[in-house]
Amino acid sequence: MLTLLGKVNINREVSDEPRQIDVFFSPNPENIENAPDLGILSRIISTPVLFEVFRNPPNQNNIRECVLKLFVLIAEIRRQAKRERRKLKEEELPYLWILGTSVSKPILEGFDAKLEEKNPVEGVYVLSKFLRTGMISVSRLPINQETLYLRILGRGETQSGAVQELLNLPQANPMRQKIAELLVSWRISIEIQEQLKKEDQEVFMALSQVYLEWKEATKQEGRLEGLQEGRLAGLQEGLQEGRQEGLQEGRQEGLHEGRQEEAANLVLRLLTRKLANLSETMVKRVKKLTIPQLENLGEALLEFTQIGDLETFLSKLESKPEQSTLTQLDTEQPDQEN
C-alpha cells in the first residue's frame, strides 16, 4: 500500500559511528555512603550516570546526540545482562544529565523538560520518565550551598561567584582542596592554550588566588619533604661515621639538597606544561639552580611563550648567579618619567 505513496525499504540496516561520553560515573555504594555533601550533585550521582557538558548553550541536535549515547549504552548493558542471564531492573539503568552553562527556553519546551516533581529546583529539569534524561541550566540555578559544585561549571559571573564561594570554605574542607587543584590545572591550560575570553577574565582573576595558594602549599610540601629526607640522610651518615660532626653536616646538606631537588622538580613540571618537552641540557641547567633562583623562575615562567624565553632567563641567571632575577630586571630597565 505504501509503495503507491513513496519508496519502501524492508529491514533497512541502521549503522552507527563510535561515540564518546564526556563522563560516565558508576558509584561505589560504600564510598557514596561516606562521601561529603555535594548538594544536588550528591543526589545525581547516587546511581550510574552520564554527564554531557556544554560550554555553550546546546541545540536540539546536541540533545539528540546525547540521548543517542544513552540509548546505545543502555543497549550494551542489556546485552551484557542477557549474556549473564541476569534480570535488569529499570533503576539499574544509567541516567543522562546534560549540563549547559545555559539552556534556552525553546529547547526546554521542545523536549518537554520540566522541573522535578520531588524537590524541584530552578534550573534542574527532567524529560519523560522512561527517557531517563535530565537537563541542568547552570545560569538558572539558585545561589546556595546546594548548587555550588554545579555552578563552578558555569561561565562569567556565575562561575566567578562560585569560585569565590569555594575560596570562602574552610581550609580543612576536603572538596575545597580537590576542586582547587582542578581549577589550577584549568588555569594553567588556559594560559598555555591562550584561550582566555573577555567573559572569563573575572573567574581567571579569582583563580589567581587559588593558584597562589596551591603554589605556596606545594612549596611548603617540598620544604617539609626536603627536611625529612635531609634529617634521615644526616642521621644515617652520622651513625655510620660515629661522629657528631658528620650528623650535623649530613642534616644540613641533606636538608638543602632535598629542598633544592623538590623545587627543581616542581619548576620542571610547570615548564613542561608551559613549553612542552625540554631538552636534556635544559633540564640539567634548571636542576643546577639555587632555591632562590628556582623561586624566581617559578614566578617568571608564567610569562614565557617560547623556549627562547627560558634560554634568555637562564643565561641571565648563570651570568649573575648570586643576584635574584627580579633585581636584574630592575637594574636593566632605564628610569621612566611619569
C-alpha atoms as a PDB file:
ATOM      1  CA  MET A   1       0.000   0.000   0.000  1.00  0.00           C
ATOM      2  CA  LEU A   2       2.753   2.440   0.881  1.00  0.00           C
ATOM      3  CA  THR A   3       4.553   1.860  -2.432  1.00  0.00           C
ATOM      4  CA  LEU A   4       1.847   3.944  -4.071  1.00  0.00           C
ATOM      5  CA  LEU A   5       2.875   6.905  -1.941  1.00  0.00           C
ATOM      6  CA  GLY A   6       6.680   6.625  -1.899  1.00  0.00           C
ATOM      7  CA  LYS A   7       9.764   4.415  -1.590  1.00  0.00           C
ATOM      8  CA  VAL A   8       9.633   1.488   0.844  1.00  0.00           C
ATOM      9  CA  ASN A   9      12.750  -0.206   2.332  1.00  0.00           C
ATOM     10  CA  ILE A  10      12.300  -3.539   4.089  1.00  0.00           C
ATOM     11  CA  ASN A  11      14.606  -4.460   7.005  1.00  0.00           C
ATOM     12  CA  ARG A  12      16.807  -1.414   6.448  1.00  0.00           C
ATOM     13  CA  GLU A  13      20.042  -1.798   8.391  1.00  0.00           C
ATOM     14  CA  VAL A  14      20.900   1.026  10.790  1.00  0.00           C
ATOM     15  CA  SER A  15      24.618   1.581  11.447  1.00  0.00           C
ATOM     16  CA  ASP A  16      26.216   3.960  13.905  1.00  0.00           C
ATOM     17  CA  GLU A  17      29.632   5.512  14.382  1.00  0.00           C
ATOM     18  CA  PRO A  18      31.707   5.237  17.586  1.00  0.00           C
ATOM     19  CA  ARG A  19      30.781   7.915  20.135  1.00  0.00           C
ATOM     20  CA  GLN A  20      32.430   9.125  23.313  1.00  0.00           C
ATOM     21  CA  ILE A  21      30.643  10.019  26.537  1.00  0.00           C
ATOM     22  CA  ASP A  22      32.042  13.083  28.319  1.00  0.00           C
ATOM     23  CA  VAL A  23      31.861  11.416  31.751  1.00  0.00           C
ATOM     24  CA  PHE A  24      30.349   8.102  32.863  1.00  0.00           C
ATOM     25  CA  PHE A  25      30.152   7.639  36.631  1.00  0.00           C
ATOM     26  CA  SER A  26      29.297   4.386  38.386  1.00  0.00           C
ATOM     27  CA  PRO A  27      29.052   4.866  42.164  1.00  0.00           C
ATOM     28  CA  ASN A  28      30.649   2.655  44.782  1.00  0.00           C
ATOM     29  CA  PRO A  29      27.952   2.217  47.484  1.00  0.00           C
ATOM     30  CA  GLU A  30      30.474   2.226  50.327  1.00  0.00           C
ATOM     31  CA  ASN A  31      32.199   5.404  49.112  1.00  0.00           C
ATOM     32  CA  ILE A  32      28.917   7.181  48.375  1.00  0.00           C
ATOM     33  CA  GLU A  33      27.623   6.471  51.869  1.00  0.00           C
ATOM     34  CA  ASN A  34      30.632   8.194  53.475  1.00  0.00           C
ATOM     35  CA  ALA A  35      31.081  10.920  50.862  1.00  0.00           C
ATOM     36  CA  PRO A  36      30.971  14.641  51.738  1.00  0.00           C
ATOM     37  CA  ASP A  37      27.773  16.522  50.981  1.00  0.00           C
ATOM     38  CA  LEU A  38      27.878  17.837  47.410  1.00  0.00           C
ATOM     39  CA  GLY A  39      24.352  19.231  47.415  1.00  0.00           C
ATOM     40  CA  ILE A  40      22.324  18.455  44.291  1.00  0.00           C
ATOM     41  CA  LEU A  41      25.326  16.670  42.794  1.00  0.00           C
ATOM     42  CA  SER A  42      25.214  14.069  45.610  1.00  0.00           C
ATOM     43  CA  ARG A  43      21.668  13.138  44.639  1.00  0.00           C
ATOM     44  CA  ILE A  44      22.545  12.952  40.934  1.00  0.00           C
ATOM     45  CA  ILE A  45      25.498  10.576  41.389  1.00  0.00           C
ATOM     46  CA  SER A  46      23.692   8.133  43.680  1.00  0.00           C
ATOM     47  CA  THR A  47      23.023   5.959  40.581  1.00  0.00           C
ATOM     48  CA  PRO A  48      25.039   5.283  37.392  1.00  0.00           C
ATOM     49  CA  VAL A  49      25.059   8.499  35.408  1.00  0.00           C
ATOM     50  CA  LEU A  50      26.296  10.011  32.140  1.00  0.00           C
ATOM     51  CA  PHE A  51      27.375  13.641  32.103  1.00  0.00           C
ATOM     52  CA  GLU A  52      27.410  15.624  28.872  1.00  0.00           C
ATOM     53  CA  VAL A  53      28.792  19.113  29.471  1.00  0.00           C
ATOM     54  CA  PHE A  54      28.356  22.098  27.148  1.00  0.00           C
ATOM     55  CA  ARG A  55      30.342  25.312  27.489  1.00  0.00           C
ATOM     56  CA  ASN A  56      27.904  26.923  25.037  1.00  0.00           C
ATOM     57  CA  PRO A  57      24.100  26.528  25.049  1.00  0.00           C
ATOM     58  CA  PRO A  58      23.215  23.134  23.484  1.00  0.00           C
ATOM     59  CA  ASN A  59      20.874  22.999  20.489  1.00  0.00           C
ATOM     60  CA  GLN A  60      18.319  20.317  19.625  1.00  0.00           C
ATOM     61  CA  ASN A  61      20.855  18.253  17.669  1.00  0.00           C
ATOM     62  CA  ASN A  62      23.264  18.293  20.621  1.00  0.00           C
ATOM     63  CA  ILE A  63      20.498  17.000  22.886  1.00  0.00           C
ATOM     64  CA  ARG A  64      19.567  14.233  20.434  1.00  0.00           C
ATOM     65  CA  GLU A  65      23.230  13.146  20.193  1.00  0.00           C
ATOM     66  CA  CYS A  66      23.424  12.905  23.983  1.00  0.00           C
ATOM     67  CA  VAL A  67      20.222  10.855  24.218  1.00  0.00           C
ATOM     68  CA  LEU A  68      21.527   8.568  21.474  1.00  0.00           C
ATOM     69  CA  LYS A  69      24.675   7.888  23.533  1.00  0.00           C
ATOM     70  CA  LEU A  70      22.462   6.977  26.489  1.00  0.00           C
ATOM     71  CA  PHE A  71      20.390   4.537  24.433  1.00  0.00           C
ATOM     72  CA  VAL A  72      23.498   2.924  22.921  1.00  0.00           C
ATOM     73  CA  LEU A  73      24.930   2.427  26.418  1.00  0.00           C
ATOM     74  CA  ILE A  74      21.648   1.024  27.751  1.00  0.00           C
ATOM     75  CA  ALA A  75      21.521  -1.443  24.846  1.00  0.00           C
ATOM     76  CA  GLU A  76      25.078  -2.545  25.668  1.00  0.00           C
ATOM     77  CA  ILE A  77      24.190  -3.036  29.350  1.00  0.00           C
ATOM     78  CA  ARG A  78      21.065  -5.031  28.433  1.00  0.00           C
ATOM     79  CA  ARG A  79      23.067  -7.322  26.132  1.00  0.00           C
ATOM     80  CA  GLN A  80      25.576  -7.986  28.899  1.00  0.00           C
ATOM     81  CA  ALA A  81      22.799  -8.750  31.393  1.00  0.00           C
ATOM     82  CA  LYS A  82      21.253 -11.154  28.883  1.00  0.00           C
ATOM     83  CA  ARG A  83      24.569 -12.998  28.433  1.00  0.00           C
ATOM     84  CA  GLU A  84      24.845 -13.294  32.215  1.00  0.00           C
ATOM     85  CA  ARG A  85      21.199 -14.390  32.428  1.00  0.00           C
ATOM     86  CA  ARG A  86      20.592 -11.598  34.912  1.00  0.00           C
ATOM     87  CA  LYS A  87      17.347  -9.675  35.205  1.00  0.00           C
ATOM     88  CA  LEU A  88      17.924  -5.943  34.830  1.00  0.00           C
ATOM     89  CA  LYS A  89      15.819  -3.504  36.821  1.00  0.00           C
ATOM     90  CA  GLU A  90      14.843  -0.113  35.441  1.00  0.00           C
ATOM     91  CA  GLU A  91      16.579   1.746  38.280  1.00  0.00           C
ATOM     92  CA  GLU A  92      19.860  -0.021  37.439  1.00  0.00           C
ATOM     93  CA  LEU A  93      19.996   1.678  34.057  1.00  0.00           C
ATOM     94  CA  PRO A  94      22.172   4.807  33.806  1.00  0.00           C
ATOM     95  CA  TYR A  95      20.667   8.280  33.824  1.00  0.00           C
ATOM     96  CA  LEU A  96      21.755  11.061  31.493  1.00  0.00           C
ATOM     97  CA  TRP A  97      22.358  14.597  32.734  1.00  0.00           C
ATOM     98  CA  ILE A  98      23.019  17.305  30.176  1.00  0.00           C
ATOM     99  CA  LEU A  99      24.819  20.251  31.781  1.00  0.00           C
ATOM    100  CA  GLY A 100      24.828  23.553  29.913  1.00  0.00           C
ATOM    101  CA  THR A 101      26.055  26.934  31.063  1.00  0.00           C
ATOM    102  CA  SER A 102      22.588  27.922  29.907  1.00  0.00           C
ATOM    103  CA  VAL A 103      19.695  26.123  28.219  1.00  0.00           C
ATOM    104  CA  SER A 104      17.261  28.151  26.143  1.00  0.00           C
ATOM    105  CA  LYS A 105      13.521  28.184  26.772  1.00  0.00           C
ATOM    106  CA  PRO A 106      12.722  26.811  23.266  1.00  0.00           C
ATOM    107  CA  ILE A 107      14.978  23.802  23.945  1.00  0.00           C
ATOM    108  CA  LEU A 108      13.294  23.130  27.288  1.00  0.00           C
ATOM    109  CA  GLU A 109       9.837  23.408  25.741  1.00  0.00           C
ATOM    110  CA  GLY A 110      10.781  21.422  22.632  1.00  0.00           C
ATOM    111  CA  PHE A 111      11.905  18.441  24.722  1.00  0.00           C
ATOM    112  CA  ASP A 112       9.088  18.909  27.249  1.00  0.00           C
ATOM    113  CA  ALA A 113      11.636  19.393  30.037  1.00  0.00           C
ATOM    114  CA  LYS A 114      10.009  20.232  33.364  1.00  0.00           C
ATOM    115  CA  LEU A 115      11.027  20.815  36.961  1.00  0.00           C
ATOM    116  CA  GLU A 116      11.266  17.683  39.062  1.00  0.00           C
ATOM    117  CA  GLU A 117       8.087  16.790  40.919  1.00  0.00           C
ATOM    118  CA  LYS A 118      10.006  15.935  44.084  1.00  0.00           C
ATOM    119  CA  ASN A 119      12.400  18.571  45.425  1.00  0.00           C
ATOM    120  CA  PRO A 120      12.033  20.943  42.441  1.00  0.00           C
ATOM    121  CA  VAL A 121      14.985  23.285  41.920  1.00  0.00           C
ATOM    122  CA  GLU A 122      15.014  26.088  39.364  1.00  0.00           C
ATOM    123  CA  GLY A 123      17.464  25.195  36.611  1.00  0.00           C
ATOM    124  CA  VAL A 124      17.101  21.418  37.064  1.00  0.00           C
ATOM    125  CA  TYR A 125      14.726  19.801  34.564  1.00  0.00           C
ATOM    126  CA  VAL A 126      13.752  16.254  33.632  1.00  0.00           C
ATOM    127  CA  LEU A 127      12.325  14.712  30.482  1.00  0.00           C
ATOM    128  CA  SER A 128       9.745  11.918  30.338  1.00  0.00           C
ATOM    129  CA  LYS A 129      10.313   9.147  32.910  1.00  0.00           C
ATOM    130  CA  PHE A 130      11.485   6.369  30.591  1.00  0.00           C
ATOM    131  CA  LEU A 131      13.871   8.638  28.684  1.00  0.00           C
ATOM    132  CA  ARG A 132      15.991   8.756  31.873  1.00  0.00           C
ATOM    133  CA  THR A 133      17.322  12.164  30.918  1.00  0.00           C
ATOM    134  CA  GLY A 134      17.642  15.482  32.715  1.00  0.00           C
ATOM    135  CA  MET A 135      18.968  18.938  31.837  1.00  0.00           C
ATOM    136  CA  ILE A 136      20.681  21.482  34.067  1.00  0.00           C
ATOM    137  CA  SER A 137      20.844  25.135  33.072  1.00  0.00           C
ATOM    138  CA  VAL A 138      23.688  26.326  35.305  1.00  0.00           C
ATOM    139  CA  SER A 139      22.878  30.027  34.883  1.00  0.00           C
ATOM    140  CA  ARG A 140      19.351  29.440  36.265  1.00  0.00           C
ATOM    141  CA  LEU A 141      20.466  27.644  39.431  1.00  0.00           C
ATOM    142  CA  PRO A 142      19.789  29.433  42.742  1.00  0.00           C
ATOM    143  CA  ILE A 143      22.861  30.718  44.562  1.00  0.00           C
ATOM    144  CA  ASN A 144      23.245  28.498  47.610  1.00  0.00           C
ATOM    145  CA  GLN A 145      25.413  25.714  49.003  1.00  0.00           C
ATOM    146  CA  GLU A 146      23.274  23.044  47.320  1.00  0.00           C
ATOM    147  CA  THR A 147      24.213  24.272  43.834  1.00  0.00           C
ATOM    148  CA  LEU A 148      27.835  25.375  44.452  1.00  0.00           C
ATOM    149  CA  TYR A 149      29.571  22.403  42.836  1.00  0.00           C
ATOM    150  CA  LEU A 150      27.414  22.717  39.720  1.00  0.00           C
ATOM    151  CA  ARG A 151      27.761  26.492  39.369  1.00  0.00           C
ATOM    152  CA  ILE A 152      31.540  26.089  39.122  1.00  0.00           C
ATOM    153  CA  LEU A 153      30.816  24.695  35.633  1.00  0.00           C
ATOM    154  CA  GLY A 154      29.144  27.953  34.582  1.00  0.00           C
ATOM    155  CA  ARG A 155      30.551  30.986  32.786  1.00  0.00           C
ATOM    156  CA  GLY A 156      31.293  34.604  33.602  1.00  0.00           C
ATOM    157  CA  GLU A 157      29.712  35.929  36.808  1.00  0.00           C
ATOM    158  CA  THR A 158      28.098  32.566  37.608  1.00  0.00           C
ATOM    159  CA  GLN A 159      31.443  30.773  37.636  1.00  0.00           C
ATOM    160  CA  SER A 160      33.467  33.559  39.261  1.00  0.00           C
ATOM    161  CA  GLY A 161      30.884  33.823  42.062  1.00  0.00           C
ATOM    162  CA  ALA A 162      31.062  30.070  42.650  1.00  0.00           C
ATOM    163  CA  VAL A 163      34.873  30.189  42.784  1.00  0.00           C
ATOM    164  CA  GLN A 164      34.720  32.938  45.415  1.00  0.00           C
ATOM    165  CA  GLU A 165      32.282  30.836  47.462  1.00  0.00           C
ATOM    166  CA  LEU A 166      34.680  27.912  47.166  1.00  0.00           C
ATOM    167  CA  LEU A 167      37.553  30.040  48.462  1.00  0.00           C
ATOM    168  CA  ASN A 168      35.422  31.064  51.448  1.00  0.00           C
ATOM    169  CA  LEU A 169      35.041  27.441  52.535  1.00  0.00           C
ATOM    170  CA  PRO A 170      37.228  26.334  55.480  1.00  0.00           C
ATOM    171  CA  GLN A 171      40.753  25.303  54.501  1.00  0.00           C
ATOM    172  CA  ALA A 172      40.095  21.872  56.032  1.00  0.00           C
ATOM    173  CA  ASN A 173      37.170  21.203  53.682  1.00  0.00           C
ATOM    174  CA  PRO A 174      38.292  18.181  51.585  1.00  0.00           C
ATOM    175  CA  MET A 175      36.344  19.227  48.482  1.00  0.00           C
ATOM    176  CA  ARG A 176      37.852  22.718  48.568  1.00  0.00           C
ATOM    177  CA  GLN A 177      41.354  21.299  48.100  1.00  0.00           C
ATOM    178  CA  LYS A 178      40.377  18.803  45.384  1.00  0.00           C
ATOM    179  CA  ILE A 179      38.419  21.316  43.311  1.00  0.00           C
ATOM    180  CA  ALA A 180      41.115  23.967  43.807  1.00  0.00           C
ATOM    181  CA  GLU A 181      43.670  21.584  42.256  1.00  0.00           C
ATOM    182  CA  LEU A 182      41.380  21.033  39.250  1.00  0.00           C
ATOM    183  CA  LEU A 183      40.872  24.774  38.859  1.00  0.00           C
ATOM    184  CA  VAL A 184      44.631  25.351  38.970  1.00  0.00           C
ATOM    185  CA  SER A 185      45.121  22.807  36.170  1.00  0.00           C
ATOM    186  CA  TRP A 186      42.397  24.528  34.150  1.00  0.00           C
ATOM    187  CA  ARG A 187      44.019  27.930  34.738  1.00  0.00           C
ATOM    188  CA  ILE A 188      47.392  26.651  33.535  1.00  0.00           C
ATOM    189  CA  SER A 189      45.835  25.023  30.451  1.00  0.00           C
ATOM    190  CA  ILE A 190      44.113  28.307  29.579  1.00  0.00           C
ATOM    191  CA  GLU A 191      47.447  30.128  29.803  1.00  0.00           C
ATOM    192  CA  ILE A 192      49.183  27.534  27.651  1.00  0.00           C
ATOM    193  CA  GLN A 193      46.464  27.487  25.000  1.00  0.00           C
ATOM    194  CA  GLU A 194      45.829  31.244  25.220  1.00  0.00           C
ATOM    195  CA  GLN A 195      42.076  30.673  25.127  1.00  0.00           C
ATOM    196  CA  LEU A 196      41.064  33.291  27.714  1.00  0.00           C
ATOM    197  CA  LYS A 197      37.989  35.218  26.630  1.00  0.00           C
ATOM    198  CA  LYS A 198      36.749  38.535  27.940  1.00  0.00           C
ATOM    199  CA  GLU A 199      33.828  36.970  29.803  1.00  0.00           C
ATOM    200  CA  ASP A 200      36.236  34.596  31.604  1.00  0.00           C
ATOM    201  CA  GLN A 201      38.530  37.326  32.954  1.00  0.00           C
ATOM    202  CA  GLU A 202      36.722  37.618  36.295  1.00  0.00           C
ATOM    203  CA  VAL A 203      36.948  33.934  37.066  1.00  0.00           C
ATOM    204  CA  PHE A 204      40.568  33.918  35.828  1.00  0.00           C
ATOM    205  CA  MET A 205      41.424  36.594  38.394  1.00  0.00           C
ATOM    206  CA  ALA A 206      39.693  34.564  41.111  1.00  0.00           C
ATOM    207  CA  LEU A 207      41.681  31.519  40.036  1.00  0.00           C
ATOM    208  CA  SER A 208      44.875  33.512  40.553  1.00  0.00           C
ATOM    209  CA  GLN A 209      44.243  33.350  44.292  1.00  0.00           C
ATOM    210  CA  VAL A 210      43.688  29.595  44.086  1.00  0.00           C
ATOM    211  CA  TYR A 211      46.920  29.275  42.089  1.00  0.00           C
ATOM    212  CA  LEU A 212      48.929  31.244  44.663  1.00  0.00           C
ATOM    213  CA  GLU A 213      47.546  29.092  47.473  1.00  0.00           C
ATOM    214  CA  TRP A 214      48.458  25.941  45.552  1.00  0.00           C
ATOM    215  CA  LYS A 215      51.919  27.270  44.760  1.00  0.00           C
ATOM    216  CA  GLU A 216      52.638  28.110  48.400  1.00  0.00           C
ATOM    217  CA  ALA A 217      51.262  24.758  49.593  1.00  0.00           C
ATOM    218  CA  THR A 218      53.376  22.893  47.042  1.00  0.00           C
ATOM    219  CA  LYS A 219      56.460  24.855  48.026  1.00  0.00           C
ATOM    220  CA  GLN A 220      55.839  24.131  51.717  1.00  0.00           C
ATOM    221  CA  GLU A 221      55.317  20.443  50.961  1.00  0.00           C
ATOM    222  CA  GLY A 222      58.646  20.374  49.138  1.00  0.00           C
ATOM    223  CA  ARG A 223      60.374  22.026  52.074  1.00  0.00           C
ATOM    224  CA  LEU A 224      58.941  19.520  54.548  1.00  0.00           C
ATOM    225  CA  GLU A 225      59.938  16.577  52.360  1.00  0.00           C
ATOM    226  CA  GLY A 226      63.396  18.017  51.944  1.00  0.00           C
ATOM    227  CA  LEU A 227      63.688  18.498  55.702  1.00  0.00           C
ATOM    228  CA  GLN A 228      62.649  14.918  56.402  1.00  0.00           C
ATOM    229  CA  GLU A 229      64.960  13.477  53.758  1.00  0.00           C
ATOM    230  CA  GLY A 230      67.822  15.665  54.922  1.00  0.00           C
ATOM    231  CA  ARG A 231      67.434  14.613  58.534  1.00  0.00           C
ATOM    232  CA  LEU A 232      67.277  10.960  57.574  1.00  0.00           C
ATOM    233  CA  ALA A 233      70.345  11.206  55.342  1.00  0.00           C
ATOM    234  CA  GLY A 234      72.234  13.140  58.002  1.00  0.00           C
ATOM    235  CA  LEU A 235      71.309  10.667  60.720  1.00  0.00           C
ATOM    236  CA  GLN A 236      72.409   7.693  58.649  1.00  0.00           C
ATOM    237  CA  GLU A 237      75.694   9.311  57.736  1.00  0.00           C
ATOM    238  CA  GLY A 238      76.319  10.433  61.295  1.00  0.00           C
ATOM    239  CA  LEU A 239      75.655   6.972  62.694  1.00  0.00           C
ATOM    240  CA  GLN A 240      77.935   5.383  60.126  1.00  0.00           C
ATOM    241  CA  GLU A 241      80.802   7.705  60.862  1.00  0.00           C
ATOM    242  CA  GLY A 242      80.095   7.749  64.558  1.00  0.00           C
ATOM    243  CA  ARG A 243      80.816  11.446  64.857  1.00  0.00           C
ATOM    244  CA  GLN A 244      78.615  14.355  65.871  1.00  0.00           C
ATOM    245  CA  GLU A 245      80.156  16.488  63.128  1.00  0.00           C
ATOM    246  CA  GLY A 246      79.036  14.048  60.487  1.00  0.00           C
ATOM    247  CA  LEU A 247      75.496  14.082  61.835  1.00  0.00           C
ATOM    248  CA  GLN A 248      75.248  17.876  61.762  1.00  0.00           C
ATOM    249  CA  GLU A 249      76.797  18.204  58.303  1.00  0.00           C
ATOM    250  CA  GLY A 250      74.590  15.449  56.951  1.00  0.00           C
ATOM    251  CA  ARG A 251      71.466  17.121  58.232  1.00  0.00           C
ATOM    252  CA  GLN A 252      72.340  20.490  56.794  1.00  0.00           C
ATOM    253  CA  GLU A 253      73.475  19.142  53.449  1.00  0.00           C
ATOM    254  CA  GLY A 254      70.541  16.761  53.149  1.00  0.00           C
ATOM    255  CA  LEU A 255      68.065  19.488  54.034  1.00  0.00           C
ATOM    256  CA  HIS A 256      69.468  21.848  51.431  1.00  0.00           C
ATOM    257  CA  GLU A 257      69.680  19.218  48.705  1.00  0.00           C
ATOM    258  CA  GLY A 258      66.178  17.939  49.434  1.00  0.00           C
ATOM    259  CA  ARG A 259      64.656  21.417  49.211  1.00  0.00           C
ATOM    260  CA  GLN A 260      66.582  22.249  46.053  1.00  0.00           C
ATOM    261  CA  GLU A 261      65.678  18.989  44.314  1.00  0.00           C
ATOM    262  CA  GLU A 262      61.966  19.315  45.148  1.00  0.00           C
ATOM    263  CA  ALA A 263      61.876  22.923  43.989  1.00  0.00           C
ATOM    264  CA  ALA A 264      63.636  21.988  40.735  1.00  0.00           C
ATOM    265  CA  ASN A 265      61.197  19.156  40.064  1.00  0.00           C
ATOM    266  CA  LEU A 266      58.219  21.459  40.654  1.00  0.00           C
ATOM    267  CA  VAL A 267      59.565  24.108  38.275  1.00  0.00           C
ATOM    268  CA  LEU A 268      60.371  21.488  35.622  1.00  0.00           C
ATOM    269  CA  ARG A 269      56.798  20.176  35.769  1.00  0.00           C
ATOM    270  CA  LEU A 270      55.429  23.680  35.245  1.00  0.00           C
ATOM    271  CA  LEU A 271      57.897  24.362  32.420  1.00  0.00           C
ATOM    272  CA  THR A 272      56.926  21.128  30.672  1.00  0.00           C
ATOM    273  CA  ARG A 273      53.249  22.082  30.775  1.00  0.00           C
ATOM    274  CA  LYS A 274      54.055  25.577  29.545  1.00  0.00           C
ATOM    275  CA  LEU A 275      56.682  24.859  26.859  1.00  0.00           C
ATOM    276  CA  ALA A 276      56.211  21.139  26.125  1.00  0.00           C
ATOM    277  CA  ASN A 277      59.264  18.843  26.191  1.00  0.00           C
ATOM    278  CA  LEU A 278      62.560  20.314  27.363  1.00  0.00           C
ATOM    279  CA  SER A 279      65.949  19.176  26.115  1.00  0.00           C
ATOM    280  CA  GLU A 280      68.172  17.163  28.445  1.00  0.00           C
ATOM    281  CA  THR A 281      70.650  20.044  28.514  1.00  0.00           C
ATOM    282  CA  MET A 282      67.935  22.488  29.551  1.00  0.00           C
ATOM    283  CA  VAL A 283      66.747  20.162  32.321  1.00  0.00           C
ATOM    284  CA  LYS A 284      70.293  19.879  33.685  1.00  0.00           C
ATOM    285  CA  ARG A 285      70.663  23.674  33.686  1.00  0.00           C
ATOM    286  CA  VAL A 286      67.440  24.084  35.663  1.00  0.00           C
ATOM    287  CA  LYS A 287      68.472  21.434  38.189  1.00  0.00           C
ATOM    288  CA  LYS A 288      71.707  23.346  38.887  1.00  0.00           C
ATOM    289  CA  LEU A 289      69.857  26.484  40.004  1.00  0.00           C
ATOM    290  CA  THR A 290      69.739  27.503  43.650  1.00  0.00           C
ATOM    291  CA  ILE A 291      66.476  27.611  45.599  1.00  0.00           C
ATOM    292  CA  PRO A 292      66.094  31.440  45.311  1.00  0.00           C
ATOM    293  CA  GLN A 293      66.780  31.209  41.574  1.00  0.00           C
ATOM    294  CA  LEU A 294      64.190  28.429  41.195  1.00  0.00           C
ATOM    295  CA  GLU A 295      61.614  30.509  43.072  1.00  0.00           C
ATOM    296  CA  ASN A 296      62.235  33.423  40.696  1.00  0.00           C
ATOM    297  CA  LEU A 297      61.982  31.116  37.694  1.00  0.00           C
ATOM    298  CA  GLY A 298      58.705  29.672  39.026  1.00  0.00           C
ATOM    299  CA  GLU A 299      57.177  33.153  39.015  1.00  0.00           C
ATOM    300  CA  ALA A 300      58.705  34.262  35.706  1.00  0.00           C
ATOM    301  CA  LEU A 301      57.687  31.182  33.683  1.00  0.00           C
ATOM    302  CA  LEU A 302      54.036  32.280  33.702  1.00  0.00           C
ATOM    303  CA  GLU A 303      55.067  34.936  31.170  1.00  0.00           C
ATOM    304  CA  PHE A 304      57.051  32.570  28.915  1.00  0.00           C
ATOM    305  CA  THR A 305      55.655  31.920  25.441  1.00  0.00           C
ATOM    306  CA  GLN A 306      58.539  30.064  23.798  1.00  0.00           C
ATOM    307  CA  ILE A 307      61.680  28.126  24.700  1.00  0.00           C
ATOM    308  CA  GLY A 308      63.792  31.184  23.873  1.00  0.00           C
ATOM    309  CA  ASP A 309      62.328  32.982  26.891  1.00  0.00           C
ATOM    310  CA  LEU A 310      63.637  30.232  29.149  1.00  0.00           C
ATOM    311  CA  GLU A 311      67.045  30.334  27.436  1.00  0.00           C
ATOM    312  CA  THR A 312      67.308  34.096  27.991  1.00  0.00           C
ATOM    313  CA  PHE A 313      66.240  33.787  31.603  1.00  0.00           C
ATOM    314  CA  LEU A 314      68.749  31.029  32.383  1.00  0.00           C
ATOM    315  CA  SER A 315      71.559  32.891  30.652  1.00  0.00           C
ATOM    316  CA  LYS A 316      70.958  35.902  32.887  1.00  0.00           C
ATOM    317  CA  LEU A 317      70.918  33.724  35.988  1.00  0.00           C
ATOM    318  CA  GLU A 318      74.100  31.920  35.020  1.00  0.00           C
ATOM    319  CA  SER A 319      75.921  35.188  34.311  1.00  0.00           C
ATOM    320  CA  LYS A 320      74.936  36.572  37.732  1.00  0.00           C
ATOM    321  CA  PRO A 321      74.293  33.522  39.916  1.00  0.00           C
ATOM    322  CA  GLU A 322      74.155  35.379  43.205  1.00  0.00           C
ATOM    323  CA  GLN A 323      71.756  38.083  42.046  1.00  0.00           C
ATOM    324  CA  SER A 324      67.983  37.488  42.000  1.00  0.00           C
ATOM    325  CA  THR A 325      66.143  37.749  38.733  1.00  0.00           C
ATOM    326  CA  LEU A 326      63.854  40.497  39.978  1.00  0.00           C
ATOM    327  CA  THR A 327      66.860  42.607  40.927  1.00  0.00           C
ATOM    328  CA  GLN A 328      68.417  42.014  37.497  1.00  0.00           C
ATOM    329  CA  LEU A 329      65.309  43.144  35.721  1.00  0.00           C
ATOM    330  CA  ASP A 330      65.075  46.281  37.865  1.00  0.00           C
ATOM    331  CA  THR A 331      68.675  47.261  37.127  1.00  0.00           C
ATOM    332  CA  GLU A 332      68.335  46.593  33.395  1.00  0.00           C
ATOM    333  CA  GLN A 333      65.287  48.853  32.903  1.00  0.00           C
ATOM    334  CA  PRO A 334      66.044  52.564  32.461  1.00  0.00           C
ATOM    335  CA  ASP A 335      64.259  55.119  34.578  1.00  0.00           C
ATOM    336  CA  GLN A 336      60.995  56.307  33.031  1.00  0.00           C
ATOM    337  CA  GLU A 337      59.356  59.632  33.567  1.00  0.00           C
ATOM    338  CA  ASN A 338      55.794  59.653  34.870  1.00  0.00           C
END
